[in-house]
Amino acid sequence: TLQLHRLAPDDGLAQTWARSTGVAFPRYTSWE
């Protein structure tokens, strides 16, 4: 389970993930 909701309160977490994996996730991703 990738709990993307955890990125919303912590932009640093998203940046750390992107640096370590090369995969960027925004803080929010809409279903649309």
PDB file of all heavy atoms in Angstrom:
ATOM      1  N   THR A   1       0.849  -1.181   0.000  1.00  0.00           N
ATOM      2  CA  THR A   1       0.000   0.000   0.000  1.00  0.00           C
ATOM      3  C   THR A   1       0.888   1.235   0.000  1.00  0.00           C
ATOM      4  O   THR A   1       1.752   1.378   0.864  1.00  0.00           O
ATOM      5  CB  THR A   1      -0.913   0.038   1.242  1.00  0.00           C
ATOM      6  OG1 THR A   1      -1.756  -1.120   1.217  1.00  0.00           O
ATOM      7  CG2 THR A   1      -1.782   1.281   1.253  1.00  0.00           C
ATOM      8  N   LEU A   2       0.696   2.086  -0.993  1.00  0.00           N
ATOM      9  CA  LEU A   2       1.384   3.371  -1.047  1.00  0.00           C
ATOM     10  C   LEU A   2       0.416   4.403  -0.491  1.00  0.00           C
ATOM     11  O   LEU A   2      -0.581   4.733  -1.130  1.00  0.00           O
ATOM     12  CB  LEU A   2       1.764   3.729  -2.484  1.00  0.00           C
ATOM     13  CG  LEU A   2       2.701   2.762  -3.193  1.00  0.00           C
ATOM     14  CD1 LEU A   2       2.830   3.139  -4.658  1.00  0.00           C
ATOM     15  CD2 LEU A   2       4.057   2.741  -2.526  1.00  0.00           C
ATOM     16  N   GLN A   3       0.693   4.888   0.696  1.00  0.00           N
ATOM     17  CA  GLN A   3      -0.201   5.816   1.373  1.00  0.00           C
ATOM     18  C   GLN A   3       0.146   7.246   0.952  1.00  0.00           C
ATOM     19  O   GLN A   3       0.809   7.982   1.679  1.00  0.00           O
ATOM     20  CB  GLN A   3      -0.115   5.628   2.876  1.00  0.00           C
ATOM     21  CG  GLN A   3      -0.592   4.265   3.307  1.00  0.00           C
ATOM     22  CD  GLN A   3      -0.595   4.117   4.821  1.00  0.00           C
ATOM     23  OE1 GLN A   3      -0.292   5.026   5.564  1.00  0.00           O
ATOM     24  NE2 GLN A   3      -0.957   2.930   5.252  1.00  0.00           N
ATOM     25  N   LEU A   4      -0.329   7.634  -0.228  1.00  0.00           N
ATOM     26  CA  LEU A   4      -0.001   8.943  -0.781  1.00  0.00           C
ATOM     27  C   LEU A   4      -0.516  10.092   0.073  1.00  0.00           C
ATOM     28  O   LEU A   4       0.037  11.187   0.038  1.00  0.00           O
ATOM     29  CB  LEU A   4      -0.533   9.053  -2.206  1.00  0.00           C
ATOM     30  CG  LEU A   4       0.075   8.063  -3.210  1.00  0.00           C
ATOM     31  CD1 LEU A   4      -0.539   8.266  -4.576  1.00  0.00           C
ATOM     32  CD2 LEU A   4       1.577   8.200  -3.266  1.00  0.00           C
ATOM     33  N   HIS A   5      -1.537   9.850   0.881  1.00  0.00           N
ATOM     34  CA  HIS A   5      -2.079  10.907   1.741  1.00  0.00           C
ATOM     35  C   HIS A   5      -1.039  11.422   2.727  1.00  0.00           C
ATOM     36  O   HIS A   5      -1.130  12.545   3.208  1.00  0.00           O
ATOM     37  CB  HIS A   5      -3.327  10.427   2.487  1.00  0.00           C
ATOM     38  CG  HIS A   5      -3.056   9.340   3.474  1.00  0.00           C
ATOM     39  ND1 HIS A   5      -2.813   9.620   4.806  1.00  0.00           N
ATOM     40  CD2 HIS A   5      -2.968   8.001   3.335  1.00  0.00           C
ATOM     41  CE1 HIS A   5      -2.604   8.467   5.452  1.00  0.00           C
ATOM     42  NE2 HIS A   5      -2.689   7.474   4.570  1.00  0.00           N
ATOM     43  N   ARG A   6      -0.029  10.635   3.013  1.00  0.00           N
ATOM     44  CA  ARG A   6       1.010  11.047   3.961  1.00  0.00           C
ATOM     45  C   ARG A   6       1.921  12.137   3.400  1.00  0.00           C
ATOM     46  O   ARG A   6       2.666  12.777   4.142  1.00  0.00           O
ATOM     47  CB  ARG A   6       1.831   9.851   4.410  1.00  0.00           C
ATOM     48  CG  ARG A   6       1.018   8.877   5.236  1.00  0.00           C
ATOM     49  CD  ARG A   6       1.886   7.713   5.695  1.00  0.00           C
ATOM     50  NE  ARG A   6       1.114   6.770   6.446  1.00  0.00           N
ATOM     51  CZ  ARG A   6       1.030   6.752   7.770  1.00  0.00           C
ATOM     52  NH1 ARG A   6       1.668   7.646   8.478  1.00  0.00           N
ATOM     53  NH2 ARG A   6       0.324   5.836   8.381  1.00  0.00           N
ATOM     54  N   LEU A   7       1.885  12.363   2.086  1.00  0.00           N
ATOM     55  CA  LEU A   7       2.695  13.414   1.477  1.00  0.00           C
ATOM     56  C   LEU A   7       2.100  14.803   1.710  1.00  0.00           C
ATOM     57  O   LEU A   7       2.822  15.798   1.686  1.00  0.00           O
ATOM     58  CB  LEU A   7       2.848  13.168  -0.026  1.00  0.00           C
ATOM     59  CG  LEU A   7       3.574  11.891  -0.418  1.00  0.00           C
ATOM     60  CD1 LEU A   7       3.520  11.703  -1.928  1.00  0.00           C
ATOM     61  CD2 LEU A   7       5.009  11.919   0.071  1.00  0.00           C
ATOM     62  N   ALA A   8       0.790  14.883   1.929  1.00  0.00           N
ATOM     63  CA  ALA A   8       0.110  16.179   2.044  1.00  0.00           C
ATOM     64  C   ALA A   8       0.674  17.058   3.154  1.00  0.00           C
ATOM     65  O   ALA A   8       0.948  18.241   2.922  1.00  0.00           O
ATOM     66  CB  ALA A   8      -1.391  15.980   2.210  1.00  0.00           C
ATOM     67  N   PRO A   9       0.861  16.557   4.371  1.00  0.00           N
ATOM     68  CA  PRO A   9       1.333  17.441   5.433  1.00  0.00           C
ATOM     69  C   PRO A   9       2.847  17.661   5.454  1.00  0.00           C
ATOM     70  O   PRO A   9       3.346  18.466   6.220  1.00  0.00           O
ATOM     71  CB  PRO A   9       0.891  16.736   6.713  1.00  0.00           C
ATOM     72  CG  PRO A   9       0.897  15.291   6.357  1.00  0.00           C
ATOM     73  CD  PRO A   9       0.485  15.250   4.908  1.00  0.00           C
ATOM     74  N   ASP A  10       3.600  16.947   4.602  1.00  0.00           N
ATOM     75  CA  ASP A  10       5.059  16.984   4.717  1.00  0.00           C
ATOM     76  C   ASP A  10       5.710  17.037   3.337  1.00  0.00           C
ATOM     77  O   ASP A  10       6.064  16.010   2.766  1.00  0.00           O
ATOM     78  CB  ASP A  10       5.529  15.748   5.486  1.00  0.00           C
ATOM     79  CG  ASP A  10       7.011  15.787   5.824  1.00  0.00           C
ATOM     80  OD1 ASP A  10       7.722  16.706   5.355  1.00  0.00           O
ATOM     81  OD2 ASP A  10       7.453  14.897   6.555  1.00  0.00           O
ATOM     82  N   ASP A  11       5.868  18.251   2.791  1.00  0.00           N
ATOM     83  CA  ASP A  11       6.477  18.400   1.473  1.00  0.00           C
ATOM     84  C   ASP A  11       7.912  17.876   1.467  1.00  0.00           C
ATOM     85  O   ASP A  11       8.397  17.396   0.457  1.00  0.00           O
ATOM     86  CB  ASP A  11       6.431  19.863   1.029  1.00  0.00           C
ATOM     87  CG  ASP A  11       6.755  20.028  -0.441  1.00  0.00           C
ATOM     88  OD1 ASP A  11       6.264  19.209  -1.256  1.00  0.00           O
ATOM     89  OD2 ASP A  11       7.502  20.955  -0.773  1.00  0.00           O
ATOM     90  N   GLY A  12       8.600  17.933   2.604  1.00  0.00           N
ATOM     91  CA  GLY A  12       9.956  17.405   2.696  1.00  0.00           C
ATOM     92  C   GLY A  12      10.011  15.914   2.440  1.00  0.00           C
ATOM     93  O   GLY A  12      10.971  15.407   1.863  1.00  0.00           O
ATOM     94  N   LEU A  13       8.974  15.184   2.849  1.00  0.00           N
ATOM     95  CA  LEU A  13       8.911  13.752   2.615  1.00  0.00           C
ATOM     96  C   LEU A  13       8.870  13.460   1.115  1.00  0.00           C
ATOM     97  O   LEU A  13       9.574  12.579   0.621  1.00  0.00           O
ATOM     98  CB  LEU A  13       7.682  13.152   3.311  1.00  0.00           C
ATOM     99  CG  LEU A  13       7.473  11.659   3.187  1.00  0.00           C
ATOM    100  CD1 LEU A  13       8.640  10.879   3.792  1.00  0.00           C
ATOM    101  CD2 LEU A  13       6.163  11.261   3.881  1.00  0.00           C
ATOM    102  N   ALA A  14       8.068  14.215   0.378  1.00  0.00           N
ATOM    103  CA  ALA A  14       7.977  14.040  -1.075  1.00  0.00           C
ATOM    104  C   ALA A  14       9.319  14.343  -1.741  1.00  0.00           C
ATOM    105  O   ALA A  14       9.751  13.621  -2.648  1.00  0.00           O
ATOM    106  CB  ALA A  14       6.874  14.930  -1.655  1.00  0.00           C
ATOM    107  N   GLN A  15      10.013  15.382  -1.274  1.00  0.00           N
ATOM    108  CA  GLN A  15      11.309  15.742  -1.847  1.00  0.00           C
ATOM    109  C   GLN A  15      12.362  14.680  -1.540  1.00  0.00           C
ATOM    110  O   GLN A  15      13.172  14.326  -2.402  1.00  0.00           O
ATOM    111  CB  GLN A  15      11.738  17.108  -1.331  1.00  0.00           C
ATOM    112  CG  GLN A  15      10.876  18.237  -1.850  1.00  0.00           C
ATOM    113  CD  GLN A  15      11.204  19.567  -1.184  1.00  0.00           C
ATOM    114  OE1 GLN A  15      12.170  19.688  -0.430  1.00  0.00           O
ATOM    115  NE2 GLN A  15      10.392  20.564  -1.464  1.00  0.00           N
ATOM    116  N   THR A  16      12.342  14.144  -0.336  1.00  0.00           N
ATOM    117  CA  THR A  16      13.279  13.079   0.042  1.00  0.00           C
ATOM    118  C   THR A  16      13.048  11.841  -0.816  1.00  0.00           C
ATOM    119  O   THR A  16      13.991  11.221  -1.309  1.00  0.00           O
ATOM    120  CB  THR A  16      13.128  12.723   1.535  1.00  0.00           C
ATOM    121  OG1 THR A  16      13.415  13.890   2.306  1.00  0.00           O
ATOM    122  CG2 THR A  16      14.055  11.590   1.939  1.00  0.00           C
ATOM    123  N   TRP A  17      11.782  11.473  -0.995  1.00  0.00           N
ATOM    124  CA  TRP A  17      11.437  10.328  -1.830  1.00  0.00           C
ATOM    125  C   TRP A  17      11.955  10.534  -3.254  1.00  0.00           C
ATOM    126  O   TRP A  17      12.560   9.645  -3.836  1.00  0.00           O
ATOM    127  CB  TRP A  17       9.922  10.134  -1.820  1.00  0.00           C
ATOM    128  CG  TRP A  17       9.442   9.090  -2.769  1.00  0.00           C
ATOM    129  CD1 TRP A  17       9.051   9.289  -4.053  1.00  0.00           C
ATOM    130  CD2 TRP A  17       9.307   7.685  -2.532  1.00  0.00           C
ATOM    131  NE1 TRP A  17       8.674   8.097  -4.633  1.00  0.00           N
ATOM    132  CE2 TRP A  17       8.826   7.110  -3.719  1.00  0.00           C
ATOM    133  CE3 TRP A  17       9.542   6.885  -1.433  1.00  0.00           C
ATOM    134  CZ2 TRP A  17       8.584   5.749  -3.827  1.00  0.00           C
ATOM    135  CZ3 TRP A  17       9.294   5.520  -1.550  1.00  0.00           C
ATOM    136  CH2 TRP A  17       8.828   4.975  -2.731  1.00  0.00           C
ATOM    137  N   ALA A  18      11.734  11.722  -3.811  1.00  0.00           N
ATOM    138  CA  ALA A  18      12.158  12.008  -5.181  1.00  0.00           C
ATOM    139  C   ALA A  18      13.680  11.925  -5.324  1.00  0.00           C
ATOM    140  O   ALA A  18      14.180  11.362  -6.302  1.00  0.00           O
ATOM    141  CB  ALA A  18      11.653  13.384  -5.608  1.00  0.00           C
ATOM    142  N   ARG A  19      14.406  12.451  -4.352  1.00  0.00           N
ATOM    143  CA  ARG A  19      15.872  12.395  -4.404  1.00  0.00           C
ATOM    144  C   ARG A  19      16.383  10.958  -4.321  1.00  0.00           C
ATOM    145  O   ARG A  19      17.312  10.581  -5.017  1.00  0.00           O
ATOM    146  CB  ARG A  19      16.484  13.216  -3.270  1.00  0.00           C
ATOM    147  CG  ARG A  19      16.596  14.687  -3.556  1.00  0.00           C
ATOM    148  CD  ARG A  19      17.498  15.393  -2.556  1.00  0.00           C
ATOM    149  NE  ARG A  19      17.124  15.158  -1.166  1.00  0.00           N
ATOM    150  CZ  ARG A  19      16.215  15.844  -0.492  1.00  0.00           C
ATOM    151  NH1 ARG A  19      15.559  16.829  -1.081  1.00  0.00           N
ATOM    152  NH2 ARG A  19      15.955  15.559   0.766  1.00  0.00           N
ATOM    153  N   SER A  20      15.778  10.153  -3.471  1.00  0.00           N
ATOM    154  CA  SER A  20      16.295   8.795  -3.258  1.00  0.00           C
ATOM    155  C   SER A  20      15.839   7.784  -4.306  1.00  0.00           C
ATOM    156  O   SER A  20      16.509   6.789  -4.518  1.00  0.00           O
ATOM    157  CB  SER A  20      15.940   8.297  -1.853  1.00  0.00           C
ATOM    158  OG  SER A  20      14.547   8.171  -1.721  1.00  0.00           O
ATOM    159  N   THR A  21      14.698   8.037  -4.950  1.00  0.00           N
ATOM    160  CA  THR A  21      14.184   7.057  -5.915  1.00  0.00           C
ATOM    161  C   THR A  21      14.155   7.559  -7.356  1.00  0.00           C
ATOM    162  O   THR A  21      14.006   6.758  -8.276  1.00  0.00           O
ATOM    163  CB  THR A  21      12.738   6.644  -5.558  1.00  0.00           C
ATOM    164  OG1 THR A  21      11.883   7.781  -5.716  1.00  0.00           O
ATOM    165  CG2 THR A  21      12.653   6.083  -4.155  1.00  0.00           C
ATOM    166  N   GLY A  22      14.221   8.878  -7.528  1.00  0.00           N
ATOM    167  CA  GLY A  22      14.091   9.440  -8.868  1.00  0.00           C
ATOM    168  C   GLY A  22      12.643   9.536  -9.325  1.00  0.00           C
ATOM    169  O   GLY A  22      12.361   9.843 -10.472  1.00  0.00           O
ATOM    170  N   VAL A  23      11.708   9.245  -8.422  1.00  0.00           N
ATOM    171  CA  VAL A  23      10.278   9.300  -8.735  1.00  0.00           C
ATOM    172  C   VAL A  23       9.650  10.433  -7.928  1.00  0.00           C
ATOM    173  O   VAL A  23       9.696  10.413  -6.699  1.00  0.00           O
ATOM    174  CB  VAL A  23       9.558   7.974  -8.403  1.00  0.00           C
ATOM    175  CG1 VAL A  23       8.078   8.062  -8.695  1.00  0.00           C
ATOM    176  CG2 VAL A  23      10.203   6.819  -9.157  1.00  0.00           C
ATOM    177  N   ALA A  24       9.084  11.401  -8.616  1.00  0.00           N
ATOM    178  CA  ALA A  24       8.483  12.552  -7.932  1.00  0.00           C
ATOM    179  C   ALA A  24       6.978  12.353  -7.778  1.00  0.00           C
ATOM    180  O   ALA A  24       6.298  11.961  -8.724  1.00  0.00           O
ATOM    181  CB  ALA A  24       8.748  13.823  -8.721  1.00  0.00           C
ATOM    182  N   PHE A  25       6.489  12.595  -6.575  1.00  0.00           N
ATOM    183  CA  PHE A  25       5.057  12.601  -6.292  1.00  0.00           C
ATOM    184  C   PHE A  25       4.695  13.997  -5.792  1.00  0.00           C
ATOM    185  O   PHE A  25       5.411  14.551  -4.954  1.00  0.00           O
ATOM    186  CB  PHE A  25       4.694  11.595  -5.188  1.00  0.00           C
ATOM    187  CG  PHE A  25       4.593  10.177  -5.644  1.00  0.00           C
ATOM    188  CD1 PHE A  25       5.641   9.301  -5.420  1.00  0.00           C
ATOM    189  CD2 PHE A  25       3.456   9.722  -6.275  1.00  0.00           C
ATOM    190  CE1 PHE A  25       5.551   7.987  -5.817  1.00  0.00           C
ATOM    191  CE2 PHE A  25       3.350   8.404  -6.671  1.00  0.00           C
ATOM    192  CZ  PHE A  25       4.405   7.539  -6.449  1.00  0.00           C
ATOM    193  N   PRO A  26       3.604  14.550  -6.267  1.00  0.00           N
ATOM    194  CA  PRO A  26       3.152  15.823  -5.702  1.00  0.00           C
ATOM    195  C   PRO A  26       2.529  15.590  -4.318  1.00  0.00           C
ATOM    196  O   PRO A  26       2.215  14.458  -3.955  1.00  0.00           O
ATOM    197  CB  PRO A  26       2.095  16.294  -6.702  1.00  0.00           C
ATOM    198  CG  PRO A  26       1.579  15.040  -7.321  1.00  0.00           C
ATOM    199  CD  PRO A  26       2.738  14.072  -7.331  1.00  0.00           C
ATOM    200  N   ARG A  27       2.335  16.656  -3.569  1.00  0.00           N
ATOM    201  CA  ARG A  27       1.704  16.528  -2.252  1.00  0.00           C
ATOM    202  C   ARG A  27       0.283  16.012  -2.387  1.00  0.00           C
ATOM    203  O   ARG A  27      -0.206  15.315  -1.506  1.00  0.00           O
ATOM    204  CB  ARG A  27       1.702  17.871  -1.535  1.00  0.00           C
ATOM    205  CG  ARG A  27       3.075  18.276  -1.048  1.00  0.00           C
ATOM    206  CD  ARG A  27       3.064  19.613  -0.358  1.00  0.00           C
ATOM    207  NE  ARG A  27       2.224  19.565   0.814  1.00  0.00           N
ATOM    208  CZ  ARG A  27       1.749  20.640   1.425  1.00  0.00           C
ATOM    209  NH1 ARG A  27       2.026  21.839   0.975  1.00  0.00           N
ATOM    210  NH2 ARG A  27       1.000  20.527   2.492  1.00  0.00           N
ATOM    211  N   TYR A  28      -0.397  16.395  -3.464  1.00  0.00           N
ATOM    212  CA  TYR A  28      -1.782  15.982  -3.693  1.00  0.00           C
ATOM    213  C   TYR A  28      -1.888  15.432  -5.112  1.00  0.00           C
ATOM    214  O   TYR A  28      -1.308  15.982  -6.033  1.00  0.00           O
ATOM    215  CB  TYR A  28      -2.760  17.150  -3.585  1.00  0.00           C
ATOM    216  CG  TYR A  28      -2.593  17.995  -2.358  1.00  0.00           C
ATOM    217  CD1 TYR A  28      -1.887  19.188  -2.409  1.00  0.00           C
ATOM    218  CD2 TYR A  28      -3.149  17.599  -1.148  1.00  0.00           C
ATOM    219  CE1 TYR A  28      -1.736  19.971  -1.273  1.00  0.00           C
ATOM    220  CE2 TYR A  28      -3.000  18.378  -0.012  1.00  0.00           C
ATOM    221  CZ  TYR A  28      -2.286  19.563  -0.084  1.00  0.00           C
ATOM    222  OH  TYR A  28      -2.141  20.332   1.039  1.00  0.00           O
ATOM    223  N   THR A  29      -2.650  14.362  -5.279  1.00  0.00           N
ATOM    224  CA  THR A  29      -2.944  13.815  -6.606  1.00  0.00           C
ATOM    225  C   THR A  29      -4.445  13.599  -6.670  1.00  0.00           C
ATOM    226  O   THR A  29      -4.992  12.825  -5.879  1.00  0.00           O
ATOM    227  CB  THR A  29      -2.222  12.472  -6.835  1.00  0.00           C
ATOM    228  OG1 THR A  29      -0.813  12.668  -6.702  1.00  0.00           O
ATOM    229  CG2 THR A  29      -2.540  11.918  -8.211  1.00  0.00           C
ATOM    230  N   SER A  30      -5.088  14.292  -7.579  1.00  0.00           N
ATOM    231  CA  SER A  30      -6.538  14.111  -7.695  1.00  0.00           C
ATOM    232  C   SER A  30      -6.836  12.876  -8.542  1.00  0.00           C
ATOM    233  O   SER A  30      -6.066  12.506  -9.428  1.00  0.00           O
ATOM    234  CB  SER A  30      -7.205  15.345  -8.303  1.00  0.00           C
ATOM    235  OG  SER A  30      -7.020  15.379  -9.702  1.00  0.00           O
ATOM    236  N   TRP A  31      -7.967  12.249  -8.258  1.00  0.00           N
ATOM    237  CA  TRP A  31      -8.399  11.098  -9.035  1.00  0.00           C
ATOM    238  C   TRP A  31      -8.634  11.509 -10.486  1.00  0.00           C
ATOM    239  O   TRP A  31      -8.313  10.770 -11.408  1.00  0.00           O
ATOM    240  CB  TRP A  31      -9.644  10.474  -8.426  1.00  0.00           C
ATOM    241  CG  TRP A  31     -10.261   9.438  -9.303  1.00  0.00           C
ATOM    242  CD1 TRP A  31     -11.521   9.444  -9.828  1.00  0.00           C
ATOM    243  CD2 TRP A  31      -9.644   8.231  -9.784  1.00  0.00           C
ATOM    244  NE1 TRP A  31     -11.715   8.321 -10.599  1.00  0.00           N
ATOM    245  CE2 TRP A  31     -10.585   7.565 -10.594  1.00  0.00           C
ATOM    246  CE3 TRP A  31      -8.391   7.665  -9.619  1.00  0.00           C
ATOM    247  CZ2 TRP A  31     -10.302   6.359 -11.230  1.00  0.00           C
ATOM    248  CZ3 TRP A  31      -8.115   6.454 -10.251  1.00  0.00           C
ATOM    249  CH2 TRP A  31      -9.067   5.821 -11.039  1.00  0.00           C
ATOM    250  N   GLU A  32      -9.157  12.711 -10.715  1.00  0.00           N
ATOM    251  CA  GLU A  32      -9.403  13.180 -12.087  1.00  0.00           C
ATOM    252  C   GLU A  32      -8.096  13.262 -12.878  1.00  0.00           C
ATOM    253  O   GLU A  32      -8.058  12.871 -14.040  1.00  0.00           O
ATOM    254  CB  GLU A  32     -10.122  14.530 -12.082  1.00  0.00           C
ATOM    255  CG  GLU A  32     -11.561  14.442 -11.619  1.00  0.00           C
ATOM    256  CD  GLU A  32     -12.415  13.500 -12.469  1.00  0.00           C
ATOM    257  OE1 GLU A  32     -12.269  13.490 -13.710  1.00  0.00           O
ATOM    258  OE2 GLU A  32     -13.214  12.747 -11.878  1.00  0.00           O
TER     259      GLU A  32
END
